[in-house]
Protein backbone atom coordinates (compact mmCIF):
# COMPACT_ATOMS: atom_id res chain seq x y z
CA MET A 1 -5.67 -0.89 12.92
CA ASN A 2 -5.00 1.04 9.62
CA PRO A 3 -7.94 0.44 7.20
CA ILE A 4 -5.68 -0.69 4.31
CA ILE A 5 -4.04 -3.12 6.46
CA ALA A 6 -7.27 -4.46 7.88
CA LEU A 7 -8.71 -4.85 4.25
CA LEU A 8 -5.55 -6.79 3.31
CA LYS A 9 -5.83 -9.11 6.27
CA GLU A 10 -9.50 -9.67 5.65
CA GLN A 11 -8.49 -11.18 2.27
CA ASN A 12 -6.04 -13.53 4.07
CA VAL A 13 -2.92 -11.66 2.88
CA ASN A 14 -0.10 -12.51 5.36
CA ASP A 15 1.86 -10.04 7.23
CA LYS A 16 5.05 -10.63 5.01
CA GLN A 17 2.95 -9.85 1.94
CA ILE A 18 1.57 -6.87 3.56
CA LYS A 19 4.86 -5.66 4.56
CA GLU A 20 6.04 -6.29 0.96
CA VAL A 21 3.14 -4.13 -0.50
CA PHE A 22 4.14 -1.25 1.67
CA GLU A 23 7.77 -1.67 0.82
CA ALA A 24 6.96 -1.59 -2.76
CA LEU A 25 4.79 1.70 -2.12
CA THR A 26 7.39 3.31 -0.43
CA GLU A 27 9.96 2.59 -3.09
CA ASN A 28 8.09 2.88 -6.29
CA PRO A 29 4.31 3.68 -5.83
CA ILE A 30 3.41 2.72 -9.64
CA MET A 31 5.19 -0.54 -9.49
CA ALA A 32 3.32 -1.15 -6.21
CA MET A 33 -0.02 -1.70 -8.04
CA ASN A 34 1.26 -4.53 -9.70
CA THR A 35 2.38 -5.93 -6.35
CA VAL A 36 -1.19 -5.50 -5.05
CA GLN A 37 -2.78 -6.93 -8.02
CA GLN A 38 -0.89 -10.01 -7.64
CA LEU A 39 -2.13 -10.77 -4.13
CA GLY A 40 -5.51 -12.60 -5.68
CA ILE A 41 -7.75 -10.15 -3.98
CA PRO A 42 -11.31 -10.31 -5.58
CA GLN A 43 -11.99 -7.44 -8.04
CA ASP A 44 -14.55 -5.58 -5.94
CA LYS A 45 -12.08 -5.68 -2.70
CA LEU A 46 -9.14 -4.91 -4.91
CA GLN A 47 -10.96 -1.68 -6.46
CA ALA A 48 -11.88 -0.53 -2.91
CA LEU A 49 -8.31 -1.08 -1.85
CA MET A 50 -6.99 0.85 -4.91
CA MET A 51 -9.36 3.58 -4.00
CA LEU A 52 -7.99 3.75 -0.51
CA LEU A 53 -4.45 3.85 -1.58
CA MET A 54 -5.08 6.59 -4.34
CA GLN A 55 -7.43 8.86 -2.45
CA ASN A 56 -5.84 8.64 1.10
CA PRO A 57 -2.07 9.02 1.22
CA ASP A 58 -2.42 9.85 4.77
CA LEU A 59 -3.48 6.19 5.28
CA ILE A 60 -0.25 5.06 3.63
CA LYS A 61 1.71 7.13 5.80
CA GLU A 62 -0.07 5.52 8.90
CA ALA A 63 0.36 1.87 7.68
CA VAL A 64 4.11 2.69 6.94
CA ASP A 65 4.34 3.87 10.52
CA GLU A 66 2.38 0.91 11.78
CA LEU A 67 4.56 -1.54 10.15
CA GLY A 68 7.79 0.41 11.04
CA LEU A 69 9.04 1.20 7.70
CA ASP A 70 10.68 4.51 6.25
CA PHE A 71 8.12 6.86 5.11
CA SER A 72 10.84 9.23 3.73
CA LYS A 73 11.00 6.87 0.83
CA VAL A 74 7.52 7.67 0.07
CA GLU A 75 8.29 11.45 0.09
CA GLN A 76 11.13 10.82 -2.39
CA ALA A 77 9.10 8.73 -4.74
CA LYS A 78 6.18 11.42 -4.65
CA LYS A 79 8.76 14.00 -5.81
CA THR A 80 10.04 11.68 -8.75
CA LEU A 81 6.30 11.47 -9.93
CA GLN A 82 5.67 15.07 -10.02
CA PRO A 83 6.28 16.95 -13.35
C-alpha cells in the first residue's frame, strides 16, 4: 500500500475522504493542503504527511494510480504552478 494512503488510514481517514484528498491533489495541489488539514490529523502526523506529499511526487502518482484517478490532471496542475 502507498505510504501516503497508509498514513491516512492509520489516522482513521475513510476511503471516501482519501479519494477526495487525491482528487483535490490532482485538481489543485495548493488547495489540497487545506483539504488535508481539515481531516483532523494530529500535528505531528500531519507534518509527516505534508513532507511526504511535498518531497515525493512519485508517491502521489502511485496513490492516484492505486485509487484509479486521472494523473494527467496532476501534470496539468504542475504546469500551471510553474513560472
